[in-house]
């Protein structure tokens, strides 16, 4: 796996964090070790491609990062992984699917999992309709950023990058530097 560092300024990594791979999921994690998450990803047939270490101690409140192939290594395994069991022991996962369906040109999406539960998720194509146990969790941040609500601006330049910034700020996610991968 390749090591990823964090940078202090925003890049537009949502459009392909790894030059050699198109369909990559970007998984921020905390409350579990890198080794634990790696083993759990391998158990659902997802190969980690790059990482940035999180906290050394699982009790620390620091986000780590793992990038993995969206699809499994078995032929015909095109289903998204079920992340709920991966964080069942109290961890958190903030997952950006960068290319949900390249063939149909769908936009990215985001899902947040905590302690084995799918807390919330949104498609970048329709931010007004969240899913999960708390589908409106991101609504205040998305409304303030004018992605949803009465003052929504649908033709914002760099819209997907701004959505990533809004979600990242909401969860206090670090800004990864993919230039080293």
N, C-alpha and C. Protein backbone atom coordinates (compact mmCIF):
# COMPACT_ATOMS: atom_id res chain seq x y z
N UNK A 1 0.84 -1.18 0.00
CA UNK A 1 0.00 0.00 0.00
C UNK A 1 0.88 1.24 0.00
N UNK A 2 0.36 2.28 -0.55
CA UNK A 2 1.03 3.56 -0.60
C UNK A 2 0.63 4.39 0.62
N UNK A 3 1.57 5.12 1.18
CA UNK A 3 1.26 6.02 2.30
C UNK A 3 0.81 7.37 1.76
N UNK A 4 -0.23 7.93 2.35
CA UNK A 4 -0.78 9.23 1.97
C UNK A 4 -0.54 10.18 3.13
N UNK A 5 -0.15 11.40 2.87
CA UNK A 5 0.00 12.39 3.93
C UNK A 5 -1.20 13.32 3.90
N UNK A 6 -1.31 14.16 4.92
CA UNK A 6 -2.36 15.16 4.95
C UNK A 6 -1.78 16.50 4.56
N UNK A 7 -2.52 17.28 3.83
CA UNK A 7 -2.06 18.62 3.48
C UNK A 7 -3.01 19.63 4.11
N UNK A 8 -2.55 20.84 4.18
CA UNK A 8 -3.32 21.86 4.88
C UNK A 8 -4.20 22.68 3.95
N UNK A 9 -4.18 22.43 2.67
CA UNK A 9 -5.05 23.16 1.75
C UNK A 9 -5.86 22.16 0.94
N UNK A 10 -6.97 22.63 0.40
CA UNK A 10 -7.93 21.77 -0.28
C UNK A 10 -7.49 21.43 -1.69
N UNK A 11 -7.56 20.17 -2.04
CA UNK A 11 -7.35 19.73 -3.42
C UNK A 11 -8.64 19.09 -3.89
N UNK A 12 -8.73 18.84 -5.16
CA UNK A 12 -9.95 18.27 -5.71
C UNK A 12 -9.76 16.78 -5.98
N UNK A 13 -9.56 16.03 -4.93
CA UNK A 13 -9.27 14.61 -5.05
C UNK A 13 -10.51 13.78 -5.36
N UNK A 14 -11.70 14.32 -5.24
CA UNK A 14 -12.91 13.53 -5.45
C UNK A 14 -12.99 12.96 -6.87
N UNK A 15 -12.30 13.56 -7.81
CA UNK A 15 -12.35 13.11 -9.20
C UNK A 15 -11.28 12.10 -9.54
N UNK A 16 -10.76 11.40 -8.59
CA UNK A 16 -9.77 10.37 -8.84
C UNK A 16 -8.55 10.55 -7.99
N UNK A 17 -8.61 10.06 -6.75
CA UNK A 17 -7.49 10.25 -5.83
C UNK A 17 -6.22 9.51 -6.26
N UNK A 18 -6.37 8.41 -6.97
CA UNK A 18 -5.21 7.64 -7.44
C UNK A 18 -5.21 7.63 -8.96
N UNK A 19 -4.17 8.11 -9.55
CA UNK A 19 -4.11 8.19 -11.01
C UNK A 19 -4.23 6.82 -11.67
N UNK A 20 -3.75 5.78 -11.03
CA UNK A 20 -3.75 4.45 -11.65
C UNK A 20 -5.05 3.69 -11.43
N UNK A 21 -5.98 4.22 -10.66
CA UNK A 21 -7.25 3.53 -10.39
C UNK A 21 -8.40 4.51 -10.54
N UNK A 22 -9.44 4.11 -11.28
CA UNK A 22 -10.61 4.97 -11.44
C UNK A 22 -11.60 4.81 -10.31
N UNK A 23 -11.94 3.61 -10.00
CA UNK A 23 -13.04 3.34 -9.08
C UNK A 23 -12.49 3.06 -7.69
N UNK A 24 -12.31 4.14 -6.93
CA UNK A 24 -11.69 4.07 -5.62
C UNK A 24 -12.65 4.65 -4.58
N UNK A 25 -12.77 3.96 -3.46
CA UNK A 25 -13.51 4.50 -2.33
C UNK A 25 -12.50 5.10 -1.35
N UNK A 26 -12.81 6.28 -0.86
CA UNK A 26 -11.96 6.98 0.10
C UNK A 26 -12.64 6.83 1.46
N UNK A 27 -11.98 6.14 2.38
CA UNK A 27 -12.58 5.79 3.67
C UNK A 27 -11.78 6.45 4.80
N UNK A 28 -12.41 7.42 5.47
CA UNK A 28 -11.83 7.99 6.68
C UNK A 28 -12.32 7.13 7.83
N UNK A 29 -11.45 6.86 8.79
CA UNK A 29 -11.82 5.98 9.90
C UNK A 29 -11.26 6.52 11.21
N UNK A 30 -11.96 6.21 12.29
CA UNK A 30 -11.44 6.47 13.64
C UNK A 30 -12.12 5.52 14.60
N UNK A 31 -11.48 5.34 15.75
CA UNK A 31 -12.00 4.39 16.73
C UNK A 31 -11.59 2.97 16.42
N UNK A 32 -10.67 2.78 15.49
CA UNK A 32 -10.10 1.47 15.16
C UNK A 32 -8.72 1.70 14.57
N UNK A 33 -7.90 0.68 14.61
CA UNK A 33 -6.55 0.82 14.07
C UNK A 33 -6.55 0.59 12.56
N UNK A 34 -5.51 1.05 11.93
CA UNK A 34 -5.32 0.81 10.50
C UNK A 34 -5.29 -0.68 10.21
N UNK A 35 -4.61 -1.43 11.06
CA UNK A 35 -4.51 -2.88 10.88
C UNK A 35 -5.89 -3.53 10.95
N UNK A 36 -6.69 -3.11 11.91
CA UNK A 36 -8.04 -3.67 12.06
C UNK A 36 -8.88 -3.40 10.82
N UNK A 37 -8.88 -2.14 10.35
CA UNK A 37 -9.67 -1.81 9.17
C UNK A 37 -9.15 -2.55 7.94
N UNK A 38 -7.85 -2.66 7.80
CA UNK A 38 -7.28 -3.38 6.65
C UNK A 38 -7.75 -4.83 6.64
N UNK A 39 -7.67 -5.48 7.79
CA UNK A 39 -8.13 -6.88 7.86
C UNK A 39 -9.62 -6.99 7.54
N UNK A 40 -10.41 -6.05 8.01
CA UNK A 40 -11.85 -6.10 7.75
C UNK A 40 -12.16 -5.83 6.27
N UNK A 41 -11.42 -4.92 5.64
CA UNK A 41 -11.60 -4.69 4.20
C UNK A 41 -11.24 -5.94 3.41
N UNK A 42 -10.17 -6.58 3.77
CA UNK A 42 -9.78 -7.82 3.09
C UNK A 42 -10.83 -8.91 3.27
N UNK A 43 -11.51 -8.92 4.42
CA UNK A 43 -12.54 -9.93 4.66
C UNK A 43 -13.74 -9.74 3.74
N UNK A 44 -13.95 -8.50 3.23
CA UNK A 44 -15.03 -8.25 2.27
C UNK A 44 -14.48 -8.10 0.86
N UNK A 45 -13.28 -8.63 0.66
CA UNK A 45 -12.62 -8.71 -0.66
C UNK A 45 -12.35 -7.34 -1.30
N UNK A 46 -11.91 -6.41 -0.49
CA UNK A 46 -11.51 -5.09 -0.98
C UNK A 46 -10.03 -4.90 -0.67
N UNK A 47 -9.27 -4.55 -1.68
CA UNK A 47 -7.82 -4.41 -1.53
C UNK A 47 -7.48 -2.96 -1.19
N UNK A 48 -6.91 -2.72 0.00
CA UNK A 48 -6.45 -1.37 0.32
C UNK A 48 -5.32 -0.96 -0.64
N UNK A 49 -5.40 0.27 -1.14
CA UNK A 49 -4.43 0.76 -2.12
C UNK A 49 -3.49 1.80 -1.54
N UNK A 50 -3.96 2.58 -0.58
CA UNK A 50 -3.16 3.63 0.03
C UNK A 50 -3.74 3.91 1.41
N UNK A 51 -2.94 4.52 2.27
CA UNK A 51 -3.40 4.79 3.63
C UNK A 51 -2.70 6.01 4.21
N UNK A 52 -3.30 6.57 5.21
CA UNK A 52 -2.69 7.56 6.10
C UNK A 52 -3.11 7.13 7.50
N UNK A 53 -2.14 6.93 8.34
CA UNK A 53 -2.43 6.42 9.67
C UNK A 53 -3.29 7.37 10.47
N UNK A 54 -4.14 6.78 11.27
CA UNK A 54 -4.92 7.56 12.21
C UNK A 54 -4.21 7.57 13.54
N UNK A 55 -4.96 7.61 14.59
CA UNK A 55 -4.40 7.62 15.93
C UNK A 55 -3.73 6.28 16.23
N UNK A 56 -2.67 6.32 17.02
CA UNK A 56 -1.99 5.09 17.44
C UNK A 56 -2.88 4.30 18.40
N UNK A 57 -3.62 5.00 19.20
CA UNK A 57 -4.50 4.40 20.19
C UNK A 57 -5.93 4.52 19.69
N UNK A 58 -6.65 3.43 19.66
CA UNK A 58 -8.02 3.44 19.14
C UNK A 58 -8.93 4.40 19.90
N UNK A 59 -8.57 4.73 21.13
CA UNK A 59 -9.39 5.64 21.93
C UNK A 59 -9.20 7.09 21.51
N UNK A 60 -8.11 7.39 20.81
CA UNK A 60 -7.87 8.76 20.37
C UNK A 60 -8.86 9.14 19.28
N UNK A 61 -9.12 10.43 19.19
CA UNK A 61 -10.14 10.95 18.28
C UNK A 61 -9.51 11.53 17.01
N UNK A 62 -8.70 10.75 16.34
CA UNK A 62 -8.02 11.22 15.14
C UNK A 62 -8.44 10.36 13.94
N UNK A 63 -8.75 11.03 12.82
CA UNK A 63 -9.16 10.31 11.62
C UNK A 63 -7.95 9.75 10.89
N UNK A 64 -8.06 8.53 10.43
CA UNK A 64 -7.11 7.93 9.51
C UNK A 64 -7.78 7.82 8.15
N UNK A 65 -7.07 7.24 7.19
CA UNK A 65 -7.58 7.18 5.83
C UNK A 65 -7.09 5.91 5.14
N UNK A 66 -8.00 5.26 4.43
CA UNK A 66 -7.66 4.12 3.58
C UNK A 66 -8.39 4.29 2.26
N UNK A 67 -7.69 4.05 1.17
CA UNK A 67 -8.31 4.01 -0.15
C UNK A 67 -8.35 2.56 -0.58
N UNK A 68 -9.47 2.15 -1.17
CA UNK A 68 -9.56 0.77 -1.64
C UNK A 68 -10.34 0.72 -2.95
N UNK A 69 -10.10 -0.36 -3.70
CA UNK A 69 -10.88 -0.58 -4.92
C UNK A 69 -12.35 -0.67 -4.55
N UNK A 70 -13.19 -0.02 -5.35
CA UNK A 70 -14.62 -0.06 -5.09
C UNK A 70 -15.16 -1.48 -5.23
N UNK A 71 -14.68 -2.19 -6.22
CA UNK A 71 -15.18 -3.54 -6.48
C UNK A 71 -14.29 -4.58 -5.83
N UNK A 72 -14.88 -5.75 -5.57
CA UNK A 72 -14.14 -6.86 -5.00
C UNK A 72 -13.24 -7.51 -6.03
N UNK A 73 -12.35 -8.37 -5.55
CA UNK A 73 -11.41 -9.00 -6.47
C UNK A 73 -11.99 -10.19 -7.20
N UNK A 74 -13.17 -10.65 -6.82
CA UNK A 74 -13.81 -11.75 -7.54
C UNK A 74 -14.48 -11.22 -8.81
N UNK A 75 -14.41 -11.99 -9.88
CA UNK A 75 -15.12 -11.61 -11.10
C UNK A 75 -16.61 -11.48 -10.78
N UNK A 76 -17.20 -10.43 -11.23
CA UNK A 76 -18.62 -10.23 -11.04
C UNK A 76 -18.99 -9.63 -9.70
N UNK A 77 -18.02 -9.29 -8.84
CA UNK A 77 -18.31 -8.68 -7.54
C UNK A 77 -18.37 -7.17 -7.70
N UNK A 78 -19.52 -6.68 -8.14
CA UNK A 78 -19.70 -5.25 -8.39
C UNK A 78 -20.57 -4.58 -7.33
N UNK A 79 -20.95 -5.32 -6.31
CA UNK A 79 -21.76 -4.73 -5.24
C UNK A 79 -20.88 -3.87 -4.35
N UNK A 80 -21.49 -2.85 -3.78
CA UNK A 80 -20.75 -2.04 -2.80
C UNK A 80 -20.57 -2.86 -1.53
N UNK A 81 -19.45 -2.66 -0.86
CA UNK A 81 -19.29 -3.39 0.40
C UNK A 81 -20.25 -2.88 1.46
N UNK A 82 -20.62 -3.75 2.36
CA UNK A 82 -21.44 -3.37 3.50
C UNK A 82 -20.46 -2.93 4.60
N UNK A 83 -20.40 -1.65 4.85
CA UNK A 83 -19.43 -1.13 5.82
C UNK A 83 -19.89 -1.28 7.27
N UNK A 84 -21.15 -1.60 7.49
CA UNK A 84 -21.66 -1.68 8.87
C UNK A 84 -20.87 -2.67 9.72
N UNK A 85 -20.61 -3.89 9.24
CA UNK A 85 -19.84 -4.82 10.08
C UNK A 85 -18.39 -4.38 10.30
N UNK A 86 -17.86 -3.55 9.43
CA UNK A 86 -16.47 -3.12 9.55
C UNK A 86 -16.25 -2.19 10.74
N UNK A 87 -17.31 -1.51 11.18
CA UNK A 87 -17.17 -0.59 12.31
C UNK A 87 -18.07 -1.00 13.48
N UNK A 88 -18.49 -2.24 13.49
CA UNK A 88 -19.43 -2.72 14.50
C UNK A 88 -18.89 -2.58 15.93
N UNK A 89 -17.58 -2.64 16.10
CA UNK A 89 -16.99 -2.61 17.44
C UNK A 89 -16.77 -1.20 17.97
N UNK A 90 -17.50 -0.22 17.44
CA UNK A 90 -17.44 1.13 17.96
C UNK A 90 -16.71 2.13 17.10
N UNK A 91 -16.22 1.74 15.96
CA UNK A 91 -15.51 2.67 15.09
C UNK A 91 -16.46 3.53 14.28
N UNK A 92 -15.86 4.48 13.56
CA UNK A 92 -16.59 5.36 12.65
C UNK A 92 -15.94 5.30 11.27
N UNK A 93 -16.77 5.37 10.25
CA UNK A 93 -16.30 5.41 8.87
C UNK A 93 -17.03 6.51 8.13
N UNK A 94 -16.27 7.35 7.43
CA UNK A 94 -16.83 8.38 6.55
C UNK A 94 -16.35 8.01 5.16
N UNK A 95 -17.26 7.56 4.28
CA UNK A 95 -16.89 6.93 3.02
C UNK A 95 -17.34 7.78 1.83
N UNK A 96 -16.38 8.17 0.99
CA UNK A 96 -16.68 8.84 -0.27
C UNK A 96 -16.50 7.81 -1.38
N UNK A 97 -17.56 7.54 -2.13
CA UNK A 97 -17.48 6.71 -3.32
C UNK A 97 -17.28 7.66 -4.48
N UNK A 98 -16.08 7.65 -5.04
CA UNK A 98 -15.72 8.67 -6.03
C UNK A 98 -16.37 8.43 -7.38
N UNK A 99 -16.57 7.19 -7.76
CA UNK A 99 -17.16 6.85 -9.06
C UNK A 99 -18.18 5.73 -8.87
N UNK A 100 -19.39 6.05 -8.38
CA UNK A 100 -20.37 4.99 -8.11
C UNK A 100 -20.72 4.15 -9.33
N UNK A 101 -20.71 4.74 -10.50
CA UNK A 101 -20.99 3.99 -11.73
C UNK A 101 -20.38 4.75 -12.90
N UNK A 102 -19.15 4.42 -13.23
CA UNK A 102 -18.44 5.12 -14.29
C UNK A 102 -19.20 5.03 -15.61
N UNK A 103 -19.74 3.87 -15.90
CA UNK A 103 -20.42 3.66 -17.18
C UNK A 103 -21.62 4.60 -17.35
N UNK A 104 -22.31 4.91 -16.27
CA UNK A 104 -23.49 5.77 -16.34
C UNK A 104 -23.19 7.20 -15.92
N UNK A 105 -21.93 7.49 -15.63
CA UNK A 105 -21.47 8.84 -15.27
C UNK A 105 -22.21 9.43 -14.07
N UNK A 106 -22.49 8.59 -13.06
CA UNK A 106 -23.11 9.09 -11.84
C UNK A 106 -22.09 9.85 -11.02
N UNK A 107 -22.56 10.84 -10.29
CA UNK A 107 -21.69 11.62 -9.42
C UNK A 107 -21.32 10.84 -8.17
N UNK A 108 -20.37 11.35 -7.41
CA UNK A 108 -19.94 10.70 -6.18
C UNK A 108 -21.07 10.64 -5.15
N UNK A 109 -20.83 9.86 -4.10
CA UNK A 109 -21.73 9.87 -2.96
C UNK A 109 -20.94 9.72 -1.68
N UNK A 110 -21.63 9.91 -0.57
CA UNK A 110 -21.00 9.89 0.75
C UNK A 110 -21.88 9.11 1.70
N UNK A 111 -21.25 8.33 2.60
CA UNK A 111 -21.97 7.60 3.65
C UNK A 111 -21.18 7.69 4.94
N UNK A 112 -21.89 7.80 6.04
CA UNK A 112 -21.28 7.86 7.36
C UNK A 112 -21.82 6.70 8.21
N UNK A 113 -20.89 5.94 8.80
CA UNK A 113 -21.23 4.78 9.62
C UNK A 113 -20.62 4.96 11.00
N UNK A 114 -21.37 4.52 12.03
CA UNK A 114 -20.86 4.60 13.40
C UNK A 114 -21.38 3.39 14.17
N UNK A 115 -20.45 2.68 14.80
CA UNK A 115 -20.79 1.55 15.67
C UNK A 115 -21.71 0.54 14.99
N UNK A 116 -21.43 0.25 13.73
CA UNK A 116 -22.21 -0.74 13.00
C UNK A 116 -23.51 -0.25 12.42
N UNK A 117 -23.76 1.05 12.45
CA UNK A 117 -24.99 1.62 11.92
C UNK A 117 -24.70 2.55 10.75
N UNK A 118 -25.58 2.53 9.76
CA UNK A 118 -25.51 3.49 8.65
C UNK A 118 -26.25 4.72 9.12
N UNK A 119 -25.50 5.72 9.56
CA UNK A 119 -26.10 6.91 10.16
C UNK A 119 -26.72 7.79 9.09
N UNK A 120 -25.95 8.11 8.04
CA UNK A 120 -26.51 8.94 6.97
C UNK A 120 -25.73 8.73 5.68
N UNK A 121 -26.37 9.09 4.60
CA UNK A 121 -25.73 9.02 3.29
C UNK A 121 -26.42 9.97 2.33
N UNK A 122 -25.64 10.49 1.36
CA UNK A 122 -26.19 11.37 0.34
C UNK A 122 -25.50 11.11 -0.99
N UNK A 123 -26.27 11.25 -2.04
CA UNK A 123 -25.72 11.25 -3.39
C UNK A 123 -25.44 12.69 -3.76
N UNK A 124 -24.29 12.94 -4.37
CA UNK A 124 -23.97 14.30 -4.78
C UNK A 124 -24.93 14.78 -5.86
N UNK A 125 -25.64 13.87 -6.51
CA UNK A 125 -26.59 14.24 -7.56
C UNK A 125 -27.90 14.77 -6.99
N UNK A 126 -28.26 14.37 -5.77
CA UNK A 126 -29.51 14.82 -5.16
C UNK A 126 -29.32 14.90 -3.65
N UNK A 127 -28.73 15.98 -3.21
CA UNK A 127 -28.39 16.15 -1.80
C UNK A 127 -29.60 16.33 -0.89
N UNK A 128 -30.76 16.61 -1.45
CA UNK A 128 -31.96 16.85 -0.65
C UNK A 128 -32.53 15.57 -0.04
N UNK A 129 -32.15 14.43 -0.56
CA UNK A 129 -32.73 13.17 -0.10
C UNK A 129 -31.65 12.30 0.51
N UNK A 130 -31.47 12.42 1.82
CA UNK A 130 -30.52 11.59 2.54
C UNK A 130 -31.10 10.23 2.86
N UNK A 131 -30.24 9.33 3.23
CA UNK A 131 -30.64 7.98 3.63
C UNK A 131 -29.96 7.66 4.95
N UNK A 132 -30.35 6.55 5.56
CA UNK A 132 -29.76 6.11 6.80
C UNK A 132 -30.67 6.39 7.99
N UNK A 133 -30.13 6.11 9.19
CA UNK A 133 -30.91 6.29 10.41
C UNK A 133 -31.16 7.77 10.75
N UNK A 134 -30.26 8.64 10.31
CA UNK A 134 -30.43 10.08 10.49
C UNK A 134 -30.24 10.75 9.12
N UNK A 135 -31.19 10.59 8.21
CA UNK A 135 -31.00 11.05 6.83
C UNK A 135 -30.77 12.54 6.69
N UNK A 136 -31.20 13.33 7.67
CA UNK A 136 -31.06 14.79 7.60
C UNK A 136 -29.87 15.32 8.41
N UNK A 137 -28.98 14.45 8.83
CA UNK A 137 -27.84 14.87 9.65
C UNK A 137 -27.03 15.98 8.98
N UNK A 138 -26.80 15.87 7.68
CA UNK A 138 -26.00 16.85 6.96
C UNK A 138 -26.80 18.04 6.45
N UNK A 139 -28.11 18.02 6.61
CA UNK A 139 -28.97 19.06 6.05
C UNK A 139 -28.59 20.47 6.50
N UNK A 140 -28.31 20.72 7.78
CA UNK A 140 -27.94 22.10 8.16
C UNK A 140 -26.66 22.59 7.46
N UNK A 141 -25.66 21.75 7.34
CA UNK A 141 -24.42 22.14 6.67
C UNK A 141 -24.64 22.34 5.18
N UNK A 142 -25.42 21.46 4.56
CA UNK A 142 -25.68 21.57 3.12
C UNK A 142 -26.57 22.78 2.81
N UNK A 143 -27.47 23.11 3.73
CA UNK A 143 -28.31 24.30 3.56
C UNK A 143 -27.46 25.56 3.70
N UNK A 144 -26.61 25.60 4.70
CA UNK A 144 -25.74 26.77 4.91
C UNK A 144 -24.81 26.99 3.72
N UNK A 145 -24.39 25.90 3.07
CA UNK A 145 -23.51 26.01 1.90
C UNK A 145 -24.31 26.24 0.60
N UNK A 146 -25.62 26.33 0.72
CA UNK A 146 -26.53 26.59 -0.41
C UNK A 146 -26.57 25.45 -1.44
N UNK A 147 -26.45 24.24 -0.95
CA UNK A 147 -26.63 23.08 -1.84
C UNK A 147 -28.07 22.60 -1.82
N UNK A 148 -28.77 22.84 -0.72
CA UNK A 148 -30.19 22.49 -0.60
C UNK A 148 -30.91 23.66 0.04
N UNK A 149 -32.22 23.62 0.01
CA UNK A 149 -33.01 24.65 0.65
C UNK A 149 -33.44 25.75 -0.30
N UNK A 150 -34.12 26.76 0.23
CA UNK A 150 -34.69 27.82 -0.63
C UNK A 150 -33.65 28.68 -1.34
N UNK A 151 -32.45 28.76 -0.83
CA UNK A 151 -31.40 29.58 -1.46
C UNK A 151 -30.38 28.73 -2.22
N UNK A 152 -30.76 27.50 -2.54
CA UNK A 152 -29.82 26.58 -3.20
C UNK A 152 -29.36 27.12 -4.55
N UNK A 153 -28.09 26.92 -4.81
CA UNK A 153 -27.48 27.31 -6.08
C UNK A 153 -26.99 26.02 -6.75
N UNK A 154 -27.70 25.60 -7.79
CA UNK A 154 -27.41 24.31 -8.40
C UNK A 154 -26.31 24.34 -9.45
N UNK A 155 -25.93 25.51 -9.90
CA UNK A 155 -24.93 25.59 -10.95
C UNK A 155 -23.59 26.13 -10.45
N UNK A 156 -23.27 25.83 -9.20
CA UNK A 156 -22.01 26.28 -8.63
C UNK A 156 -20.83 25.65 -9.36
N UNK A 157 -19.84 26.48 -9.66
CA UNK A 157 -18.62 25.96 -10.25
C UNK A 157 -17.91 25.11 -9.19
N UNK A 158 -17.29 24.03 -9.60
CA UNK A 158 -16.59 23.12 -8.68
C UNK A 158 -17.53 22.58 -7.61
N UNK A 159 -18.76 22.31 -7.98
CA UNK A 159 -19.80 21.88 -7.03
C UNK A 159 -19.38 20.66 -6.22
N UNK A 160 -18.87 19.61 -6.89
CA UNK A 160 -18.52 18.39 -6.17
C UNK A 160 -17.40 18.63 -5.16
N UNK A 161 -16.42 19.45 -5.53
CA UNK A 161 -15.33 19.75 -4.62
C UNK A 161 -15.85 20.53 -3.40
N UNK A 162 -16.79 21.44 -3.63
CA UNK A 162 -17.38 22.21 -2.54
C UNK A 162 -18.22 21.33 -1.62
N UNK A 163 -18.89 20.34 -2.19
CA UNK A 163 -19.65 19.39 -1.36
C UNK A 163 -18.69 18.62 -0.46
N UNK A 164 -17.57 18.16 -1.03
CA UNK A 164 -16.56 17.46 -0.23
C UNK A 164 -16.08 18.35 0.90
N UNK A 165 -15.80 19.62 0.61
CA UNK A 165 -15.36 20.55 1.64
C UNK A 165 -16.39 20.71 2.75
N UNK A 166 -17.66 20.81 2.37
CA UNK A 166 -18.73 20.98 3.34
C UNK A 166 -18.85 19.74 4.23
N UNK A 167 -18.86 18.57 3.64
CA UNK A 167 -18.96 17.33 4.42
C UNK A 167 -17.73 17.16 5.30
N UNK A 168 -16.56 17.41 4.73
CA UNK A 168 -15.31 17.27 5.50
C UNK A 168 -15.29 18.21 6.69
N UNK A 169 -15.74 19.44 6.50
CA UNK A 169 -15.79 20.39 7.62
C UNK A 169 -16.78 19.92 8.68
N UNK A 170 -17.92 19.39 8.27
CA UNK A 170 -18.94 18.93 9.21
C UNK A 170 -18.39 17.84 10.12
N UNK A 171 -17.62 16.90 9.55
CA UNK A 171 -17.07 15.78 10.32
C UNK A 171 -15.64 16.03 10.79
N UNK A 172 -15.08 17.20 10.50
CA UNK A 172 -13.69 17.53 10.84
C UNK A 172 -12.71 16.52 10.25
N UNK A 173 -12.95 16.16 8.99
CA UNK A 173 -12.07 15.22 8.30
C UNK A 173 -10.80 15.94 7.87
N UNK A 174 -9.65 15.29 7.96
CA UNK A 174 -8.41 15.91 7.48
C UNK A 174 -8.40 15.97 5.96
N UNK A 175 -7.54 16.80 5.42
CA UNK A 175 -7.42 16.97 3.98
C UNK A 175 -6.25 16.13 3.46
N UNK A 176 -6.53 15.05 2.76
CA UNK A 176 -5.42 14.20 2.28
C UNK A 176 -4.68 14.80 1.10
N UNK A 177 -3.41 14.45 0.99
CA UNK A 177 -2.56 14.86 -0.13
C UNK A 177 -2.29 13.62 -0.96
N UNK A 178 -2.93 13.51 -2.11
CA UNK A 178 -2.77 12.35 -2.98
C UNK A 178 -1.67 12.54 -4.01
N UNK A 179 -0.93 13.62 -3.93
CA UNK A 179 0.11 13.85 -4.92
C UNK A 179 1.28 12.87 -4.77
N UNK A 180 1.39 12.22 -3.63
CA UNK A 180 2.48 11.27 -3.38
C UNK A 180 2.14 9.86 -3.82
N UNK A 181 0.90 9.60 -4.21
CA UNK A 181 0.48 8.25 -4.55
C UNK A 181 0.75 7.94 -6.00
